[in-house]
Amino acid sequence: MDIKISKNSHRKGRRKQVIARTPMLNEMIYRWTVEGGDLVSGTTGAISFVSSPTLQNSSENTSIQTLFSEVRLISYRVVYTPTQSVNSSVLQSTFIVGTNMVFNNTTNSSPAAFTAVQNLKNSRSIASCNVRPISVSMFVPKNLEFLSTATGSDVPTIPAPYAGSPGCLVGYGTGFTNSTTYFKEQQIVIMHLRGRV
C-alpha cells in the first residue's frame, strides 16, 4: 500500500493520506495443487522419478485458456509424505532429488543411476524413515518470459529455461524393498497469467 505525505502551510505537522494500490489489470496469479502420485520402488529396489510443472496438469486448464493467453511459472514445490517410516518389515533408504533445467514436462527422462542426480541444482537427500512430510522447492529462474497458455505450449519440445514452465525435479535412490510405495507426492504450483483473450 502506498502512503503519500503532504504538508499544509496553514496546519501544524503532517497529514498522512492513504492511496489504494492499483490492482493488476489483465493479469492473475494462479495457485493450484495436484496429487503427483506415489513413489514406488522398482523390481531392483530403486526409486526413479521426474516431477514437473505445466499448466496442462491443472484441472482448470481449459477455462484458463479461454480467459488468458500467456503464462509463466512463479514457483513449484513438491511435498513428499513418507508411508513406510515406521514399518520394520521394509528396507529404509534415501533418494536424492534436485532441479534439472534442461528438462521440462515434455522433454524429460527418469534417471537410471546416481550420476544423473549428483550434480543437480539445489539437490538434497530424503530418507524414507522420516516421520513428517518433506517439502522440496524447485529452482525457478527469476523474471521468466511468458509463453502461450495453449496446451503444452509452456513446456515446448525444445526446452526454454528462460520462459514458460521450465525445469523438473529429478530423483533417484536405491536400497529400498522391491515394488513398495514409499512416498505420496503432492505438487503445489504458482503461475502468472496475463493477456485477456
N, C-alpha and C. Protein backbone atom coordinates (compact mmCIF):
# COMPACT_ATOMS: atom_id res chain seq x y z
N MET A 1 0.84 -1.17 0.00
CA MET A 1 0.00 0.00 0.00
C MET A 1 0.88 1.23 0.00
N ASP A 2 0.63 2.19 -0.90
CA ASP A 2 1.41 3.41 -0.99
C ASP A 2 0.87 4.45 -0.02
N ILE A 3 1.80 5.19 0.61
CA ILE A 3 1.41 6.25 1.53
C ILE A 3 2.01 7.57 1.04
N LYS A 4 1.17 8.55 0.90
CA LYS A 4 1.61 9.86 0.45
C LYS A 4 1.55 10.82 1.62
N ILE A 5 2.64 11.53 1.85
CA ILE A 5 2.69 12.50 2.95
C ILE A 5 2.66 13.91 2.36
N SER A 6 1.70 14.68 2.76
CA SER A 6 1.60 16.05 2.24
C SER A 6 1.68 17.06 3.38
N LYS A 7 2.23 18.22 3.07
CA LYS A 7 2.35 19.30 4.05
C LYS A 7 1.34 20.40 3.73
N ASN A 8 0.72 20.90 4.76
CA ASN A 8 -0.19 22.05 4.61
C ASN A 8 0.40 23.22 5.37
N SER A 9 0.57 24.36 4.67
CA SER A 9 1.22 25.51 5.30
C SER A 9 0.37 26.11 6.42
N HIS A 10 -0.95 25.95 6.36
CA HIS A 10 -1.81 26.56 7.36
C HIS A 10 -2.07 25.61 8.54
N ARG A 11 -1.51 24.39 8.53
CA ARG A 11 -1.69 23.46 9.64
C ARG A 11 -0.34 23.03 10.18
N LYS A 12 -0.35 22.68 11.43
CA LYS A 12 0.88 22.19 12.04
C LYS A 12 1.02 20.69 11.77
N GLY A 13 2.26 20.26 11.61
CA GLY A 13 2.52 18.83 11.43
C GLY A 13 2.23 18.35 10.02
N ARG A 14 2.14 17.05 9.93
CA ARG A 14 1.91 16.43 8.64
C ARG A 14 0.65 15.59 8.66
N ARG A 15 0.06 15.43 7.54
CA ARG A 15 -1.13 14.61 7.41
C ARG A 15 -0.84 13.45 6.45
N LYS A 16 -1.18 12.24 6.86
CA LYS A 16 -0.96 11.07 6.01
C LYS A 16 -2.21 10.79 5.20
N GLN A 17 -2.01 10.61 3.92
CA GLN A 17 -3.12 10.30 3.03
C GLN A 17 -2.86 8.92 2.44
N VAL A 18 -3.79 8.01 2.63
CA VAL A 18 -3.63 6.66 2.14
C VAL A 18 -4.25 6.55 0.75
N ILE A 19 -3.44 6.05 -0.18
CA ILE A 19 -3.90 5.86 -1.54
C ILE A 19 -3.92 4.38 -1.84
N ALA A 20 -5.05 3.86 -2.31
CA ALA A 20 -5.17 2.43 -2.59
C ALA A 20 -4.25 2.03 -3.72
N ARG A 21 -3.67 0.82 -3.60
CA ARG A 21 -2.79 0.29 -4.62
C ARG A 21 -3.62 -0.14 -5.83
N THR A 22 -3.15 0.18 -7.01
CA THR A 22 -3.86 -0.17 -8.22
C THR A 22 -3.74 -1.66 -8.48
N PRO A 23 -4.85 -2.36 -8.65
CA PRO A 23 -4.79 -3.80 -8.90
C PRO A 23 -4.21 -4.10 -10.27
N MET A 24 -3.64 -5.31 -10.42
CA MET A 24 -3.14 -5.72 -11.72
C MET A 24 -4.31 -5.83 -12.69
N LEU A 25 -4.17 -5.23 -13.83
CA LEU A 25 -5.21 -5.31 -14.85
C LEU A 25 -4.80 -6.36 -15.87
N ASN A 26 -5.74 -7.16 -16.28
CA ASN A 26 -5.48 -8.13 -17.32
C ASN A 26 -4.50 -9.23 -16.89
N GLU A 27 -4.33 -9.43 -15.57
CA GLU A 27 -3.39 -10.42 -15.07
C GLU A 27 -3.98 -11.14 -13.86
N MET A 28 -3.41 -12.31 -13.55
CA MET A 28 -3.85 -13.06 -12.38
C MET A 28 -2.73 -13.97 -11.91
N ILE A 29 -2.59 -14.08 -10.59
CA ILE A 29 -1.68 -15.07 -10.01
C ILE A 29 -2.52 -16.29 -9.67
N TYR A 30 -2.12 -17.42 -10.21
CA TYR A 30 -2.92 -18.65 -10.10
C TYR A 30 -2.15 -19.71 -9.32
N ARG A 31 -2.72 -20.14 -8.19
CA ARG A 31 -2.11 -21.17 -7.34
C ARG A 31 -2.99 -22.40 -7.35
N TRP A 32 -2.39 -23.57 -7.56
CA TRP A 32 -3.16 -24.80 -7.57
C TRP A 32 -2.31 -25.96 -7.07
N THR A 33 -3.01 -27.00 -6.63
CA THR A 33 -2.37 -28.18 -6.07
C THR A 33 -2.89 -29.42 -6.79
N VAL A 34 -1.99 -30.35 -7.01
CA VAL A 34 -2.37 -31.60 -7.68
C VAL A 34 -1.64 -32.77 -7.02
N GLU A 35 -2.31 -33.89 -6.93
CA GLU A 35 -1.66 -35.09 -6.41
C GLU A 35 -0.72 -35.62 -7.48
N GLY A 36 0.53 -35.81 -7.11
CA GLY A 36 1.53 -36.27 -8.07
C GLY A 36 1.65 -37.77 -8.18
N GLY A 37 0.94 -38.48 -7.32
CA GLY A 37 1.02 -39.94 -7.37
C GLY A 37 1.94 -40.50 -6.30
N ASP A 38 2.30 -41.75 -6.46
CA ASP A 38 3.13 -42.46 -5.48
C ASP A 38 4.55 -42.64 -6.01
N LEU A 39 5.52 -42.62 -5.09
CA LEU A 39 6.88 -43.01 -5.43
C LEU A 39 7.04 -44.47 -5.02
N VAL A 40 7.13 -45.33 -6.02
CA VAL A 40 7.16 -46.78 -5.80
C VAL A 40 8.51 -47.32 -6.23
N SER A 41 9.12 -48.14 -5.40
CA SER A 41 10.38 -48.77 -5.77
C SER A 41 10.15 -49.81 -6.86
N GLY A 42 11.13 -49.97 -7.73
CA GLY A 42 11.03 -50.93 -8.82
C GLY A 42 11.42 -52.33 -8.39
N THR A 43 11.56 -53.21 -9.36
CA THR A 43 11.89 -54.61 -9.07
C THR A 43 13.32 -54.79 -8.60
N THR A 44 14.14 -53.74 -8.73
CA THR A 44 15.52 -53.82 -8.24
C THR A 44 15.70 -53.03 -6.94
N GLY A 45 14.60 -52.49 -6.40
CA GLY A 45 14.68 -51.72 -5.16
C GLY A 45 15.09 -50.28 -5.35
N ALA A 46 14.98 -49.75 -6.58
CA ALA A 46 15.34 -48.36 -6.85
C ALA A 46 14.09 -47.51 -7.03
N ILE A 47 14.19 -46.25 -6.58
CA ILE A 47 13.14 -45.25 -6.85
C ILE A 47 13.72 -44.26 -7.84
N SER A 48 13.01 -44.05 -8.95
CA SER A 48 13.44 -43.14 -10.00
C SER A 48 12.23 -42.37 -10.50
N PHE A 49 12.32 -41.04 -10.54
CA PHE A 49 11.14 -40.26 -10.94
C PHE A 49 11.52 -38.88 -11.46
N VAL A 50 10.57 -38.27 -12.16
CA VAL A 50 10.66 -36.89 -12.61
C VAL A 50 9.33 -36.21 -12.30
N SER A 51 9.36 -35.04 -11.68
CA SER A 51 8.15 -34.25 -11.39
C SER A 51 8.34 -32.88 -12.01
N SER A 52 7.31 -32.41 -12.72
CA SER A 52 7.48 -31.13 -13.41
C SER A 52 6.18 -30.34 -13.48
N PRO A 53 6.30 -29.01 -13.49
CA PRO A 53 5.11 -28.15 -13.56
C PRO A 53 4.71 -27.86 -15.01
N THR A 54 3.43 -27.80 -15.24
CA THR A 54 2.89 -27.33 -16.51
C THR A 54 1.42 -26.98 -16.30
N LEU A 55 0.96 -25.98 -16.99
CA LEU A 55 -0.43 -25.54 -16.86
C LEU A 55 -1.41 -26.65 -17.27
N GLN A 56 -1.01 -27.52 -18.18
CA GLN A 56 -1.92 -28.56 -18.66
C GLN A 56 -2.28 -29.58 -17.58
N ASN A 57 -1.53 -29.62 -16.46
CA ASN A 57 -1.87 -30.52 -15.36
C ASN A 57 -2.93 -29.96 -14.43
N SER A 58 -3.30 -28.70 -14.64
CA SER A 58 -4.33 -28.06 -13.82
C SER A 58 -5.71 -28.52 -14.27
N SER A 59 -6.60 -28.74 -13.32
CA SER A 59 -7.97 -29.13 -13.65
C SER A 59 -8.73 -27.99 -14.32
N GLU A 60 -8.21 -26.76 -14.21
CA GLU A 60 -8.86 -25.59 -14.80
C GLU A 60 -8.18 -25.13 -16.09
N ASN A 61 -7.36 -25.99 -16.65
CA ASN A 61 -6.58 -25.63 -17.84
C ASN A 61 -7.46 -25.10 -18.97
N THR A 62 -8.54 -25.79 -19.28
CA THR A 62 -9.41 -25.39 -20.39
C THR A 62 -10.04 -24.02 -20.14
N SER A 63 -10.50 -23.80 -18.92
CA SER A 63 -11.11 -22.50 -18.59
C SER A 63 -10.08 -21.38 -18.66
N ILE A 64 -8.87 -21.64 -18.20
CA ILE A 64 -7.82 -20.62 -18.22
C ILE A 64 -7.48 -20.23 -19.65
N GLN A 65 -7.45 -21.21 -20.55
CA GLN A 65 -7.13 -20.92 -21.94
C GLN A 65 -8.15 -20.00 -22.59
N THR A 66 -9.39 -20.06 -22.12
CA THR A 66 -10.42 -19.17 -22.69
C THR A 66 -10.35 -17.76 -22.10
N LEU A 67 -9.62 -17.60 -21.00
CA LEU A 67 -9.54 -16.30 -20.32
C LEU A 67 -8.21 -15.59 -20.52
N PHE A 68 -7.10 -16.36 -20.55
CA PHE A 68 -5.77 -15.76 -20.63
C PHE A 68 -4.96 -16.39 -21.76
N SER A 69 -4.09 -15.61 -22.35
CA SER A 69 -3.31 -16.10 -23.49
C SER A 69 -1.86 -16.41 -23.16
N GLU A 70 -1.36 -15.94 -22.00
CA GLU A 70 0.06 -16.15 -21.68
C GLU A 70 0.24 -16.62 -20.24
N VAL A 71 1.31 -17.38 -20.01
CA VAL A 71 1.59 -17.94 -18.68
C VAL A 71 3.10 -18.05 -18.46
N ARG A 72 3.49 -17.92 -17.20
CA ARG A 72 4.87 -18.22 -16.80
C ARG A 72 4.85 -18.74 -15.38
N LEU A 73 5.81 -19.58 -15.05
CA LEU A 73 5.92 -20.20 -13.74
C LEU A 73 6.50 -19.22 -12.72
N ILE A 74 5.93 -19.20 -11.53
CA ILE A 74 6.49 -18.41 -10.43
C ILE A 74 7.19 -19.32 -9.43
N SER A 75 6.51 -20.39 -9.01
CA SER A 75 7.15 -21.33 -8.09
C SER A 75 6.55 -22.72 -8.23
N TYR A 76 7.36 -23.71 -7.86
CA TYR A 76 6.93 -25.12 -7.93
C TYR A 76 7.52 -25.83 -6.72
N ARG A 77 6.63 -26.40 -5.91
CA ARG A 77 7.05 -27.09 -4.69
C ARG A 77 6.38 -28.45 -4.63
N VAL A 78 7.14 -29.44 -4.20
CA VAL A 78 6.61 -30.80 -4.07
C VAL A 78 6.75 -31.25 -2.62
N VAL A 79 5.69 -31.81 -2.07
CA VAL A 79 5.70 -32.35 -0.71
C VAL A 79 5.69 -33.87 -0.79
N TYR A 80 6.70 -34.49 -0.19
CA TYR A 80 6.82 -35.94 -0.15
C TYR A 80 6.40 -36.42 1.24
N THR A 81 5.36 -37.24 1.28
CA THR A 81 4.87 -37.77 2.56
C THR A 81 5.28 -39.24 2.67
N PRO A 82 6.13 -39.58 3.65
CA PRO A 82 6.58 -40.97 3.80
C PRO A 82 5.42 -41.88 4.22
N THR A 83 5.42 -43.10 3.69
CA THR A 83 4.36 -44.06 4.02
C THR A 83 4.89 -45.30 4.73
N GLN A 84 6.23 -45.45 4.79
CA GLN A 84 6.81 -46.66 5.38
C GLN A 84 7.76 -46.36 6.54
N SER A 85 7.66 -45.15 7.09
CA SER A 85 8.65 -44.70 8.07
C SER A 85 8.69 -45.55 9.34
N VAL A 86 7.58 -46.16 9.72
CA VAL A 86 7.55 -46.96 10.96
C VAL A 86 7.34 -48.44 10.65
N ASN A 87 7.53 -48.83 9.41
CA ASN A 87 7.35 -50.23 9.01
C ASN A 87 8.69 -50.95 9.09
N SER A 88 8.86 -51.81 10.07
CA SER A 88 10.14 -52.50 10.27
C SER A 88 10.34 -53.67 9.32
N SER A 89 9.33 -53.99 8.51
CA SER A 89 9.44 -55.13 7.60
C SER A 89 9.94 -54.73 6.22
N VAL A 90 10.21 -53.43 6.00
CA VAL A 90 10.77 -52.98 4.72
C VAL A 90 12.13 -52.34 4.95
N LEU A 91 12.94 -52.30 3.91
CA LEU A 91 14.24 -51.64 3.98
C LEU A 91 14.07 -50.13 3.93
N GLN A 92 14.84 -49.41 4.74
CA GLN A 92 14.82 -47.95 4.72
C GLN A 92 16.05 -47.45 3.96
N SER A 93 15.86 -46.44 3.15
CA SER A 93 16.96 -45.89 2.36
C SER A 93 16.68 -44.42 2.07
N THR A 94 17.44 -43.84 1.16
CA THR A 94 17.28 -42.42 0.80
C THR A 94 17.27 -42.26 -0.72
N PHE A 95 16.70 -41.15 -1.16
CA PHE A 95 16.84 -40.77 -2.57
C PHE A 95 17.32 -39.33 -2.63
N ILE A 96 17.97 -38.98 -3.73
CA ILE A 96 18.45 -37.62 -3.96
C ILE A 96 17.51 -36.96 -4.97
N VAL A 97 17.11 -35.74 -4.68
CA VAL A 97 16.23 -35.00 -5.59
C VAL A 97 16.78 -33.59 -5.78
N GLY A 98 16.69 -33.09 -7.01
CA GLY A 98 17.17 -31.75 -7.31
C GLY A 98 16.58 -31.26 -8.63
N THR A 99 16.96 -30.03 -9.02
CA THR A 99 16.40 -29.39 -10.20
C THR A 99 17.28 -29.61 -11.42
N ASN A 100 16.64 -30.04 -12.52
CA ASN A 100 17.31 -30.16 -13.81
C ASN A 100 16.64 -29.17 -14.76
N MET A 101 17.36 -28.10 -15.16
CA MET A 101 16.79 -27.07 -16.01
C MET A 101 16.83 -27.42 -17.49
N VAL A 102 17.47 -28.53 -17.84
CA VAL A 102 17.49 -28.95 -19.24
C VAL A 102 16.19 -29.65 -19.61
N PHE A 103 15.51 -30.17 -18.59
CA PHE A 103 14.24 -30.87 -18.78
C PHE A 103 13.06 -29.92 -18.63
N ASN A 104 11.91 -30.37 -19.14
CA ASN A 104 10.62 -29.81 -18.76
C ASN A 104 9.59 -30.94 -18.81
N ASN A 105 8.31 -30.65 -18.68
CA ASN A 105 7.30 -31.70 -18.63
C ASN A 105 7.20 -32.50 -19.93
N THR A 106 7.61 -31.90 -21.04
CA THR A 106 7.55 -32.58 -22.33
C THR A 106 8.82 -33.37 -22.61
N THR A 107 9.96 -32.79 -22.27
CA THR A 107 11.25 -33.42 -22.59
C THR A 107 11.95 -33.80 -21.30
N ASN A 108 11.80 -35.01 -20.85
CA ASN A 108 12.49 -35.47 -19.65
C ASN A 108 12.63 -36.98 -19.71
N SER A 109 13.49 -37.49 -18.85
CA SER A 109 13.64 -38.94 -18.73
C SER A 109 14.02 -39.27 -17.30
N SER A 110 13.48 -40.36 -16.79
CA SER A 110 13.78 -40.76 -15.41
C SER A 110 15.23 -41.21 -15.31
N PRO A 111 15.92 -40.86 -14.24
CA PRO A 111 17.33 -41.25 -14.09
C PRO A 111 17.49 -42.74 -13.88
N ALA A 112 18.61 -43.27 -14.32
CA ALA A 112 18.90 -44.70 -14.18
C ALA A 112 20.04 -44.97 -13.22
N ALA A 113 20.67 -43.89 -12.71
CA ALA A 113 21.80 -44.06 -11.79
C ALA A 113 22.01 -42.77 -11.01
N PHE A 114 22.82 -42.84 -9.95
CA PHE A 114 23.10 -41.67 -9.14
C PHE A 114 23.81 -40.57 -9.92
N THR A 115 24.54 -40.95 -10.97
CA THR A 115 25.25 -39.95 -11.77
C THR A 115 24.29 -38.95 -12.41
N ALA A 116 23.03 -39.33 -12.57
CA ALA A 116 22.04 -38.44 -13.18
C ALA A 116 21.49 -37.40 -12.21
N VAL A 117 21.75 -37.57 -10.92
CA VAL A 117 21.21 -36.64 -9.93
C VAL A 117 22.27 -36.01 -9.04
N GLN A 118 23.52 -36.44 -9.16
CA GLN A 118 24.53 -35.98 -8.20
C GLN A 118 24.93 -34.51 -8.37
N ASN A 119 24.70 -33.93 -9.54
CA ASN A 119 25.11 -32.54 -9.76
C ASN A 119 23.94 -31.60 -10.03
N LEU A 120 22.75 -31.99 -9.60
CA LEU A 120 21.58 -31.15 -9.84
C LEU A 120 21.57 -29.93 -8.93
N LYS A 121 20.95 -28.86 -9.40
CA LYS A 121 20.85 -27.62 -8.61
C LYS A 121 19.93 -27.84 -7.41
N ASN A 122 20.33 -27.32 -6.25
CA ASN A 122 19.56 -27.39 -5.01
C ASN A 122 19.20 -28.83 -4.63
N SER A 123 20.13 -29.76 -4.86
CA SER A 123 19.83 -31.17 -4.56
C SER A 123 19.85 -31.42 -3.05
N ARG A 124 19.07 -32.41 -2.64
CA ARG A 124 19.03 -32.81 -1.24
C ARG A 124 18.68 -34.28 -1.13
N SER A 125 19.04 -34.86 0.00
CA SER A 125 18.78 -36.27 0.25
C SER A 125 17.57 -36.40 1.17
N ILE A 126 16.66 -37.33 0.83
CA ILE A 126 15.45 -37.54 1.62
C ILE A 126 15.38 -39.00 2.03
N ALA A 127 15.22 -39.23 3.33
CA ALA A 127 15.18 -40.59 3.86
C ALA A 127 13.75 -41.08 4.03
N SER A 128 13.55 -42.35 3.76
CA SER A 128 12.21 -42.94 3.88
C SER A 128 11.78 -43.12 5.33
N CYS A 129 12.73 -43.01 6.26
CA CYS A 129 12.39 -43.18 7.68
C CYS A 129 11.91 -41.87 8.32
N ASN A 130 11.84 -40.78 7.54
CA ASN A 130 11.26 -39.54 8.05
C ASN A 130 9.82 -39.78 8.47
N VAL A 131 9.39 -39.16 9.55
CA VAL A 131 8.02 -39.35 10.02
C VAL A 131 7.12 -38.17 9.65
N ARG A 132 7.70 -37.14 9.07
CA ARG A 132 6.92 -35.97 8.67
C ARG A 132 7.09 -35.71 7.17
N PRO A 133 6.13 -35.04 6.55
CA PRO A 133 6.28 -34.68 5.14
C PRO A 133 7.48 -33.78 4.91
N ILE A 134 8.12 -33.95 3.76
CA ILE A 134 9.29 -33.16 3.40
C ILE A 134 8.94 -32.32 2.18
N SER A 135 9.19 -31.01 2.25
CA SER A 135 8.88 -30.10 1.16
C SER A 135 10.15 -29.73 0.40
N VAL A 136 10.09 -29.83 -0.92
CA VAL A 136 11.24 -29.50 -1.77
C VAL A 136 10.79 -28.49 -2.82
N SER A 137 11.48 -27.36 -2.90
CA SER A 137 11.17 -26.34 -3.90
C SER A 137 12.12 -26.45 -5.08
N MET A 138 11.56 -26.46 -6.28
CA MET A 138 12.37 -26.49 -7.48
C MET A 138 12.97 -25.12 -7.72
N PHE A 139 14.19 -25.07 -8.23
CA PHE A 139 14.79 -23.80 -8.62
C PHE A 139 14.04 -23.24 -9.82
N VAL A 140 13.59 -21.99 -9.71
CA VAL A 140 12.90 -21.32 -10.81
C VAL A 140 13.62 -20.01 -11.09
N PRO A 141 14.11 -19.81 -12.33
CA PRO A 141 14.79 -18.56 -12.66
C PRO A 141 13.85 -17.36 -12.48
N LYS A 142 14.40 -16.23 -12.09
CA LYS A 142 13.60 -15.03 -11.92
C LYS A 142 13.26 -14.40 -13.28
N ASN A 143 12.14 -13.72 -13.32
CA ASN A 143 11.72 -12.95 -14.49
C ASN A 143 11.67 -13.78 -15.77
N LEU A 144 11.02 -14.94 -15.68
CA LEU A 144 10.84 -15.76 -16.87
C LEU A 144 9.98 -15.01 -17.89
N GLU A 145 10.20 -15.29 -19.16
CA GLU A 145 9.36 -14.76 -20.21
C GLU A 145 8.04 -15.55 -20.25
N PHE A 146 7.00 -14.95 -20.79
CA PHE A 146 5.71 -15.61 -20.92
C PHE A 146 5.69 -16.49 -22.17
N LEU A 147 4.92 -17.58 -22.10
CA LEU A 147 4.63 -18.41 -23.27
C LEU A 147 3.12 -18.58 -23.36
N SER A 148 2.65 -19.15 -24.43
CA SER A 148 1.22 -19.32 -24.67
C SER A 148 0.59 -20.28 -23.67
N THR A 149 -0.69 -20.04 -23.35
CA THR A 149 -1.44 -20.95 -22.48
C THR A 149 -2.00 -22.15 -23.24
N ALA A 150 -1.83 -22.20 -24.55
CA ALA A 150 -2.30 -23.35 -25.33
C ALA A 150 -1.67 -24.62 -24.75
N THR A 151 -2.43 -25.70 -24.73
CA THR A 151 -1.99 -26.93 -24.07
C THR A 151 -0.60 -27.35 -24.52
N GLY A 152 0.30 -27.45 -23.55
CA GLY A 152 1.67 -27.88 -23.81
C GLY A 152 2.62 -26.80 -24.26
N SER A 153 2.11 -25.59 -24.53
CA SER A 153 2.98 -24.54 -25.06
C SER A 153 3.93 -23.96 -24.01
N ASP A 154 3.59 -24.10 -22.73
CA ASP A 154 4.50 -23.59 -21.69
C ASP A 154 5.67 -24.55 -21.45
N VAL A 155 5.61 -25.74 -22.07
CA VAL A 155 6.69 -26.72 -21.97
C VAL A 155 7.02 -27.22 -23.38
N PRO A 156 7.70 -26.40 -24.20
CA PRO A 156 7.95 -26.74 -25.60
C PRO A 156 8.90 -27.93 -25.76
N THR A 157 8.85 -28.55 -26.95
CA THR A 157 9.68 -29.73 -27.21
C THR A 157 11.17 -29.41 -27.20
N ILE A 158 11.51 -28.17 -27.48
CA ILE A 158 12.89 -27.71 -27.27
C ILE A 158 12.87 -26.90 -25.98
N PRO A 159 13.45 -27.41 -24.89
CA PRO A 159 13.35 -26.74 -23.58
C PRO A 159 13.80 -25.28 -23.65
N ALA A 160 13.05 -24.42 -22.99
CA ALA A 160 13.35 -22.99 -22.93
C ALA A 160 13.52 -22.59 -21.47
N PRO A 161 14.74 -22.68 -20.91
CA PRO A 161 14.96 -22.37 -19.49
C PRO A 161 14.65 -20.94 -19.10
N TYR A 162 14.37 -20.08 -20.10
CA TYR A 162 14.14 -18.65 -19.85
C TYR A 162 12.67 -18.28 -19.93
N ALA A 163 11.79 -19.26 -20.19
CA ALA A 163 10.39 -18.91 -20.43
C ALA A 163 9.46 -20.05 -20.07
N GLY A 164 8.18 -19.69 -19.83
CA GLY A 164 7.14 -20.69 -19.61
C GLY A 164 7.27 -21.42 -18.28
N SER A 165 7.30 -22.75 -18.34
CA SER A 165 7.41 -23.59 -17.14
C SER A 165 8.61 -24.52 -17.26
N PRO A 166 9.81 -23.98 -17.16
CA PRO A 166 11.00 -24.81 -17.37
C PRO A 166 11.39 -25.60 -16.12
N GLY A 167 12.16 -26.65 -16.33
CA GLY A 167 12.73 -27.39 -15.22
C GLY A 167 11.90 -28.55 -14.73
N CYS A 168 12.59 -29.47 -14.05
CA CYS A 168 11.97 -30.65 -13.44
C CYS A 168 12.67 -30.95 -12.12
N LEU A 169 11.94 -31.53 -11.20
CA LEU A 169 12.57 -32.15 -10.03
C LEU A 169 12.83 -33.60 -10.40
N VAL A 170 14.09 -34.00 -10.31
CA VAL A 170 14.50 -35.34 -10.70
C VAL A 170 15.03 -36.07 -9.47
N GLY A 171 14.60 -37.31 -9.26
CA GLY A 171 15.01 -38.05 -8.07
C GLY A 171 15.45 -39.47 -8.39
N TYR A 172 16.40 -39.95 -7.56
CA TYR A 172 16.87 -41.33 -7.72
C TYR A 172 17.43 -41.82 -6.38
N GLY A 173 17.13 -43.08 -6.07
CA GLY A 173 17.66 -43.71 -4.87
C GLY A 173 17.60 -45.22 -4.98
N THR A 174 18.46 -45.91 -4.24
CA THR A 174 18.48 -47.37 -4.25
C THR A 174 18.43 -47.90 -2.82
N GLY A 175 18.32 -49.23 -2.68
CA GLY A 175 18.34 -49.84 -1.36
C GLY A 175 16.98 -49.97 -0.72
N PHE A 176 15.92 -49.81 -1.49
CA PHE A 176 14.56 -49.95 -0.99
C PHE A 176 14.05 -51.38 -1.21
N THR A 177 13.04 -51.77 -0.47
CA THR A 177 12.38 -53.05 -0.72
C THR A 177 11.68 -52.99 -2.08
N ASN A 178 11.78 -54.05 -2.83
CA ASN A 178 11.21 -54.08 -4.18
C ASN A 178 9.70 -53.82 -4.19
N SER A 179 9.26 -53.10 -5.22
CA SER A 179 7.84 -52.91 -5.53
C SER A 179 7.01 -52.47 -4.32
N THR A 180 7.47 -51.41 -3.66
CA THR A 180 6.82 -50.90 -2.46
C THR A 180 6.60 -49.40 -2.57
N THR A 181 5.42 -48.93 -2.16
CA THR A 181 5.15 -47.50 -2.15
C THR A 181 5.81 -46.87 -0.92
N TYR A 182 6.70 -45.91 -1.15
CA TYR A 182 7.43 -45.29 -0.05
C TYR A 182 7.00 -43.85 0.24
N PHE A 183 6.50 -43.15 -0.77
CA PHE A 183 6.11 -41.75 -0.58
C PHE A 183 4.86 -41.43 -1.40
N LYS A 184 4.06 -40.52 -0.87
CA LYS A 184 2.99 -39.87 -1.62
C LYS A 184 3.52 -38.50 -2.04
N GLU A 185 3.14 -38.07 -3.23
CA GLU A 185 3.65 -36.81 -3.75
C GLU A 185 2.51 -35.83 -4.00
N GLN A 186 2.71 -34.59 -3.55
CA GLN A 186 1.74 -33.51 -3.79
C GLN A 186 2.48 -32.32 -4.38
N GLN A 187 1.97 -31.80 -5.49
CA GLN A 187 2.61 -30.70 -6.19
C GLN A 187 1.84 -29.40 -5.97
N ILE A 188 2.56 -28.34 -5.63
CA ILE A 188 1.97 -27.02 -5.40
C ILE A 188 2.59 -26.05 -6.40
N VAL A 189 1.76 -25.49 -7.26
CA VAL A 189 2.23 -24.67 -8.37
C VAL A 189 1.65 -23.26 -8.27
N ILE A 190 2.50 -22.26 -8.53
CA ILE A 190 2.03 -20.87 -8.63
C ILE A 190 2.47 -20.34 -10.00
N MET A 191 1.49 -19.83 -10.76
CA MET A 191 1.76 -19.31 -12.09
C MET A 191 1.21 -17.90 -12.27
N HIS A 192 1.80 -17.19 -13.19
CA HIS A 192 1.40 -15.82 -13.53
C HIS A 192 0.70 -15.86 -14.88
N LEU A 193 -0.56 -15.47 -14.92
CA LEU A 193 -1.34 -15.45 -16.15
C LEU A 193 -1.57 -14.01 -16.59
N ARG A 194 -1.61 -13.79 -17.90
CA ARG A 194 -1.92 -12.44 -18.39
C ARG A 194 -2.47 -12.55 -19.82
N GLY A 195 -2.97 -11.42 -20.30
CA GLY A 195 -3.44 -11.33 -21.68
C GLY A 195 -4.85 -11.86 -21.84
N ARG A 196 -5.84 -11.03 -21.51
CA ARG A 196 -7.23 -11.45 -21.70
C ARG A 196 -7.48 -11.69 -23.17
N VAL A 197 -8.15 -12.79 -23.48
CA VAL A 197 -8.41 -13.13 -24.88
C VAL A 197 -9.82 -12.71 -25.28
